[in-house]
Amino acid sequence: MYETNVFGPLAVQRAVLPVLRRQRSGHVINISSIVGFGTAPGWGIYASTKFAVEGFTETLHTELAPLGVHVTLVEPGFFRTDFLDPASLHTGPDTIDDYAPTVGAMRAAAASLNHAQPGDPVKAARSIVEMAAAPEPPLRLPLGADTLQAFDAKLDTFRKEMDAWRHVALSTDHD
């Protein structure tokens, strides 16, 4: 998973970035995921690869902006593809009873959601092409109502936790 989702895009970028820097234009579009911004039970390893993509893409965005090169993270939610088919989505054969309410529930949900995902891949592709043609493309392009809902929930939780613990964070600086 790391070879495909992390090291593959890094290898492509190492090959193409000299050209983009030289021409002072271009657009790097990296594919992340709904779980690249906030994960869910059962998706830990996959999510960690997408977190890595998010991290190096955010950095690349800052590094390349002064050179006229755009960088965008595409963050799709669940789209009606074969992604959840058993031939694509591999799970371990063993289950652990302690994880039945979390990982077990996600396994069942993934199976029942297969080929009933809310996202339309044709509309997603069209949105990516339109975004790529924009004069000022975004750093992030979340795709799907499920992605926006998950991102909003994470941001709300993050803000509440940060506000609740702000006093501790501020107490750690030198006087």
C-alpha atoms as a PDB file:
ATOM      1  CA  MET A   1       0.000   0.000   0.000  1.00  0.00           C
ATOM      2  CA  TYR A   2       2.849   2.401   0.781  1.00  0.00           C
ATOM      3  CA  GLU A   3       4.601   1.559  -2.499  1.00  0.00           C
ATOM      4  CA  THR A   4       1.486   2.479  -4.476  1.00  0.00           C
ATOM      5  CA  ASN A   5      -0.032   5.326  -2.455  1.00  0.00           C
ATOM      6  CA  VAL A   6       3.087   7.107  -1.167  1.00  0.00           C
ATOM      7  CA  PHE A   7       6.297   6.090  -2.918  1.00  0.00           C
ATOM      8  CA  GLY A   8       4.657   5.940  -6.376  1.00  0.00           C
ATOM      9  CA  PRO A   9       3.497   9.588  -6.349  1.00  0.00           C
ATOM     10  CA  LEU A  10       6.833  10.670  -4.860  1.00  0.00           C
ATOM     11  CA  ALA A  11       8.716   8.955  -7.698  1.00  0.00           C
ATOM     12  CA  VAL A  12       6.508  10.610 -10.324  1.00  0.00           C
ATOM     13  CA  GLN A  13       6.986  14.012  -8.685  1.00  0.00           C
ATOM     14  CA  ARG A  14      10.762  13.618  -8.569  1.00  0.00           C
ATOM     15  CA  ALA A  15      10.654  12.934 -12.305  1.00  0.00           C
ATOM     16  CA  VAL A  16       8.334  15.803 -13.283  1.00  0.00           C
ATOM     17  CA  LEU A  17       9.256  18.607 -10.869  1.00  0.00           C
ATOM     18  CA  PRO A  18      12.474  19.641 -12.674  1.00  0.00           C
ATOM     19  CA  VAL A  19      10.379  20.339 -15.783  1.00  0.00           C
ATOM     20  CA  LEU A  20       7.671  22.232 -13.873  1.00  0.00           C
ATOM     21  CA  ARG A  21      10.253  24.333 -12.027  1.00  0.00           C
ATOM     22  CA  ARG A  22      12.056  25.145 -15.277  1.00  0.00           C
ATOM     23  CA  GLN A  23       8.872  26.236 -17.075  1.00  0.00           C
ATOM     24  CA  ARG A  24       7.543  28.050 -13.969  1.00  0.00           C
ATOM     25  CA  SER A  25       4.101  26.541 -14.497  1.00  0.00           C
ATOM     26  CA  GLY A  26       2.134  23.343 -14.168  1.00  0.00           C
ATOM     27  CA  HIS A  27      -0.103  21.563 -11.730  1.00  0.00           C
ATOM     28  CA  VAL A  28       0.579  18.605  -9.465  1.00  0.00           C
ATOM     29  CA  ILE A  29      -2.630  16.802  -8.533  1.00  0.00           C
ATOM     30  CA  ASN A  30      -2.305  14.166  -5.828  1.00  0.00           C
ATOM     31  CA  ILE A  31      -5.108  11.791  -4.951  1.00  0.00           C
ATOM     32  CA  SER A  32      -5.828  11.521  -1.259  1.00  0.00           C
ATOM     33  CA  SER A  33      -9.063  10.308   0.307  1.00  0.00           C
ATOM     34  CA  ILE A  34     -11.833  11.081   2.764  1.00  0.00           C
ATOM     35  CA  VAL A  35      -9.626   9.223   5.273  1.00  0.00           C
ATOM     36  CA  GLY A  36      -6.573  11.321   4.432  1.00  0.00           C
ATOM     37  CA  PHE A  37      -7.923  14.146   6.569  1.00  0.00           C
ATOM     38  CA  GLY A  38      -9.679  12.124   9.245  1.00  0.00           C
ATOM     39  CA  THR A  39      -9.717   8.373   9.507  1.00  0.00           C
ATOM     40  CA  ALA A  40     -12.306   5.781  10.511  1.00  0.00           C
ATOM     41  CA  PRO A  41     -12.123   2.383  12.241  1.00  0.00           C
ATOM     42  CA  GLY A  42     -10.602  -0.300  10.069  1.00  0.00           C
ATOM     43  CA  TRP A  43      -8.870   2.105   7.696  1.00  0.00           C
ATOM     44  CA  GLY A  44      -5.706   2.783   9.728  1.00  0.00           C
ATOM     45  CA  ILE A  45      -3.020   1.587   7.309  1.00  0.00           C
ATOM     46  CA  TYR A  46      -4.744   2.953   4.201  1.00  0.00           C
ATOM     47  CA  ALA A  47      -5.438   6.242   6.005  1.00  0.00           C
ATOM     48  CA  SER A  48      -1.804   6.500   7.089  1.00  0.00           C
ATOM     49  CA  THR A  49      -0.721   6.380   3.439  1.00  0.00           C
ATOM     50  CA  LYS A  50      -3.175   9.141   2.607  1.00  0.00           C
ATOM     51  CA  PHE A  51      -2.051  11.189   5.640  1.00  0.00           C
ATOM     52  CA  ALA A  52       1.464  10.935   4.169  1.00  0.00           C
ATOM     53  CA  VAL A  53       0.199  12.177   0.800  1.00  0.00           C
ATOM     54  CA  GLU A  54      -1.567  15.058   2.547  1.00  0.00           C
ATOM     55  CA  GLY A  55       1.618  16.013   4.405  1.00  0.00           C
ATOM     56  CA  PHE A  56       4.013  16.061   1.478  1.00  0.00           C
ATOM     57  CA  THR A  57       1.413  17.692  -0.782  1.00  0.00           C
ATOM     58  CA  GLU A  58       0.762  20.560   1.655  1.00  0.00           C
ATOM     59  CA  THR A  59       4.515  21.130   1.860  1.00  0.00           C
ATOM     60  CA  LEU A  60       4.927  20.932  -1.910  1.00  0.00           C
ATOM     61  CA  HIS A  61       2.101  23.459  -2.310  1.00  0.00           C
ATOM     62  CA  THR A  62       4.033  25.978  -0.211  1.00  0.00           C
ATOM     63  CA  GLU A  63       7.360  25.231  -1.904  1.00  0.00           C
ATOM     64  CA  LEU A  64       6.070  25.471  -5.481  1.00  0.00           C
ATOM     65  CA  ALA A  65       3.649  28.409  -5.184  1.00  0.00           C
ATOM     66  CA  PRO A  66       6.411  31.023  -5.624  1.00  0.00           C
ATOM     67  CA  LEU A  67       7.471  29.208  -8.808  1.00  0.00           C
ATOM     68  CA  GLY A  68       4.029  29.387 -10.426  1.00  0.00           C
ATOM     69  CA  VAL A  69       3.316  25.671 -10.000  1.00  0.00           C
ATOM     70  CA  HIS A  70      -0.061  24.707  -8.518  1.00  0.00           C
ATOM     71  CA  VAL A  71      -0.532  21.740  -6.184  1.00  0.00           C
ATOM     72  CA  THR A  72      -3.884  20.196  -5.274  1.00  0.00           C
ATOM     73  CA  LEU A  73      -5.043  17.341  -3.068  1.00  0.00           C
ATOM     74  CA  VAL A  74      -8.126  15.595  -4.428  1.00  0.00           C
ATOM     75  CA  GLU A  75      -9.987  14.093  -1.460  1.00  0.00           C
ATOM     76  CA  PRO A  76     -12.777  11.825  -2.694  1.00  0.00           C
ATOM     77  CA  GLY A  77     -15.265  10.161  -0.418  1.00  0.00           C
ATOM     78  CA  PHE A  78     -17.042   6.950  -1.309  1.00  0.00           C
ATOM     79  CA  PHE A  79     -17.596   6.743  -5.063  1.00  0.00           C
ATOM     80  CA  ARG A  80     -19.450   4.014  -6.918  1.00  0.00           C
ATOM     81  CA  THR A  81     -16.419   2.093  -8.152  1.00  0.00           C
ATOM     82  CA  ASP A  82     -15.010  -1.380  -7.521  1.00  0.00           C
ATOM     83  CA  PHE A  83     -12.873  -0.059  -4.634  1.00  0.00           C
ATOM     84  CA  LEU A  84     -14.884  -2.019  -2.043  1.00  0.00           C
ATOM     85  CA  ASP A  85     -14.972  -5.251  -4.073  1.00  0.00           C
ATOM     86  CA  PRO A  86     -13.241  -8.207  -2.419  1.00  0.00           C
ATOM     87  CA  ALA A  87     -10.752  -8.234  -5.321  1.00  0.00           C
ATOM     88  CA  SER A  88      -9.720  -4.689  -4.406  1.00  0.00           C
ATOM     89  CA  LEU A  89     -10.315  -4.360  -0.667  1.00  0.00           C
ATOM     90  CA  HIS A  90      -8.359  -6.951   1.274  1.00  0.00           C
ATOM     91  CA  THR A  91      -9.113  -7.611   4.919  1.00  0.00           C
ATOM     92  CA  GLY A  92      -7.439 -10.032   7.251  1.00  0.00           C
ATOM     93  CA  PRO A  93      -9.143 -13.395   7.711  1.00  0.00           C
ATOM     94  CA  ASP A  94      -9.189 -13.161  11.497  1.00  0.00           C
ATOM     95  CA  THR A  95     -11.445 -10.976  13.568  1.00  0.00           C
ATOM     96  CA  ILE A  96     -11.012  -9.854  17.169  1.00  0.00           C
ATOM     97  CA  ASP A  97     -14.182  -9.724  19.242  1.00  0.00           C
ATOM     98  CA  ASP A  98     -13.052  -6.570  21.063  1.00  0.00           C
ATOM     99  CA  TYR A  99     -13.153  -4.703  17.741  1.00  0.00           C
ATOM    100  CA  ALA A 100     -16.603  -5.919  16.660  1.00  0.00           C
ATOM    101  CA  PRO A 101     -18.325  -2.564  17.390  1.00  0.00           C
ATOM    102  CA  THR A 102     -15.693  -0.560  15.487  1.00  0.00           C
ATOM    103  CA  VAL A 103     -13.708  -2.436  12.839  1.00  0.00           C
ATOM    104  CA  GLY A 104     -16.341  -5.171  12.561  1.00  0.00           C
ATOM    105  CA  ALA A 105     -19.056  -2.599  11.985  1.00  0.00           C
ATOM    106  CA  MET A 106     -16.916  -0.918   9.323  1.00  0.00           C
ATOM    107  CA  ARG A 107     -16.342  -4.240   7.543  1.00  0.00           C
ATOM    108  CA  ALA A 108     -20.090  -4.829   7.423  1.00  0.00           C
ATOM    109  CA  ALA A 109     -20.768  -1.269   6.284  1.00  0.00           C
ATOM    110  CA  ALA A 110     -18.156  -1.503   3.522  1.00  0.00           C
ATOM    111  CA  ALA A 111     -19.691  -4.726   2.233  1.00  0.00           C
ATOM    112  CA  SER A 112     -23.216  -3.296   2.254  1.00  0.00           C
ATOM    113  CA  LEU A 113     -22.074  -0.015   0.674  1.00  0.00           C
ATOM    114  CA  ASN A 114     -20.286  -1.732  -2.223  1.00  0.00           C
ATOM    115  CA  HIS A 115     -21.755  -0.475  -5.515  1.00  0.00           C
ATOM    116  CA  ALA A 116     -24.180   1.734  -3.554  1.00  0.00           C
ATOM    117  CA  GLN A 117     -21.671   4.484  -2.744  1.00  0.00           C
ATOM    118  CA  PRO A 118     -23.112   7.991  -2.989  1.00  0.00           C
ATOM    119  CA  GLY A 119     -20.453   9.458  -5.298  1.00  0.00           C
ATOM    120  CA  ASP A 120     -20.643   9.482  -9.090  1.00  0.00           C
ATOM    121  CA  PRO A 121     -17.159   8.857 -10.576  1.00  0.00           C
ATOM    122  CA  VAL A 122     -18.028  10.623 -13.844  1.00  0.00           C
ATOM    123  CA  LYS A 123     -19.004  13.782 -11.961  1.00  0.00           C
ATOM    124  CA  ALA A 124     -15.831  13.503  -9.864  1.00  0.00           C
ATOM    125  CA  ALA A 125     -13.653  13.254 -12.973  1.00  0.00           C
ATOM    126  CA  ARG A 126     -15.400  16.256 -14.511  1.00  0.00           C
ATOM    127  CA  SER A 127     -14.849  18.253 -11.300  1.00  0.00           C
ATOM    128  CA  ILE A 128     -11.139  17.409 -11.275  1.00  0.00           C
ATOM    129  CA  VAL A 129     -10.746  18.502 -14.905  1.00  0.00           C
ATOM    130  CA  GLU A 130     -12.616  21.773 -14.222  1.00  0.00           C
ATOM    131  CA  MET A 131     -10.490  22.425 -11.120  1.00  0.00           C
ATOM    132  CA  ALA A 132      -7.284  21.772 -13.068  1.00  0.00           C
ATOM    133  CA  ALA A 133      -8.277  24.453 -15.590  1.00  0.00           C
ATOM    134  CA  ALA A 134      -8.985  27.064 -12.909  1.00  0.00           C
ATOM    135  CA  PRO A 135      -6.544  29.994 -12.785  1.00  0.00           C
ATOM    136  CA  GLU A 136      -6.290  29.675  -8.965  1.00  0.00           C
ATOM    137  CA  PRO A 137      -6.952  26.026  -8.076  1.00  0.00           C
ATOM    138  CA  PRO A 138      -7.390  25.073  -4.413  1.00  0.00           C
ATOM    139  CA  LEU A 139      -4.942  23.192  -2.255  1.00  0.00           C
ATOM    140  CA  ARG A 140      -7.804  20.843  -1.319  1.00  0.00           C
ATOM    141  CA  LEU A 141     -10.648  19.570  -3.472  1.00  0.00           C
ATOM    142  CA  PRO A 142     -12.931  17.454  -1.292  1.00  0.00           C
ATOM    143  CA  LEU A 143     -15.374  15.477  -3.413  1.00  0.00           C
ATOM    144  CA  GLY A 144     -18.722  14.212  -2.180  1.00  0.00           C
ATOM    145  CA  ALA A 145     -21.204  15.194   0.480  1.00  0.00           C
ATOM    146  CA  ASP A 146     -19.829  12.410   2.690  1.00  0.00           C
ATOM    147  CA  THR A 147     -16.383  13.995   2.557  1.00  0.00           C
ATOM    148  CA  LEU A 148     -17.673  17.440   3.468  1.00  0.00           C
ATOM    149  CA  GLN A 149     -19.677  15.973   6.353  1.00  0.00           C
ATOM    150  CA  ALA A 150     -16.643  14.050   7.671  1.00  0.00           C
ATOM    151  CA  PHE A 151     -14.358  17.085   7.323  1.00  0.00           C
ATOM    152  CA  ASP A 152     -16.846  19.374   9.083  1.00  0.00           C
ATOM    153  CA  ALA A 153     -17.188  16.870  11.947  1.00  0.00           C
ATOM    154  CA  LYS A 154     -13.411  16.601  12.350  1.00  0.00           C
ATOM    155  CA  LEU A 155     -12.947  20.367  12.281  1.00  0.00           C
ATOM    156  CA  ASP A 156     -15.697  20.826  14.897  1.00  0.00           C
ATOM    157  CA  THR A 157     -14.150  18.182  17.157  1.00  0.00           C
ATOM    158  CA  PHE A 158     -10.681  19.622  16.640  1.00  0.00           C
ATOM    159  CA  ARG A 159     -11.827  23.132  17.535  1.00  0.00           C
ATOM    160  CA  LYS A 160     -13.665  21.967  20.678  1.00  0.00           C
ATOM    161  CA  GLU A 161     -10.685  19.958  21.885  1.00  0.00           C
ATOM    162  CA  MET A 162      -8.241  22.737  21.118  1.00  0.00           C
ATOM    163  CA  ASP A 163     -10.378  25.269  22.971  1.00  0.00           C
ATOM    164  CA  ALA A 164     -10.754  22.947  25.976  1.00  0.00           C
ATOM    165  CA  TRP A 165      -6.990  22.389  26.218  1.00  0.00           C
ATOM    166  CA  ARG A 166      -5.747  25.786  25.049  1.00  0.00           C
ATOM    167  CA  HIS A 167      -4.729  26.731  28.613  1.00  0.00           C
ATOM    168  CA  VAL A 168      -2.402  23.722  28.772  1.00  0.00           C
ATOM    169  CA  ALA A 169      -0.821  24.524  25.420  1.00  0.00           C
ATOM    170  CA  LEU A 170      -0.243  28.130  26.453  1.00  0.00           C
ATOM    171  CA  SER A 171       1.212  27.095  29.821  1.00  0.00           C
ATOM    172  CA  THR A 172       4.192  25.354  28.242  1.00  0.00           C
ATOM    173  CA  ASP A 173       6.048  28.437  26.940  1.00  0.00           C
ATOM    174  CA  HIS A 174       8.918  30.017  28.841  1.00  0.00           C
ATOM    175  CA  ASP A 175       7.818  32.775  31.246  1.00  0.00           C
END
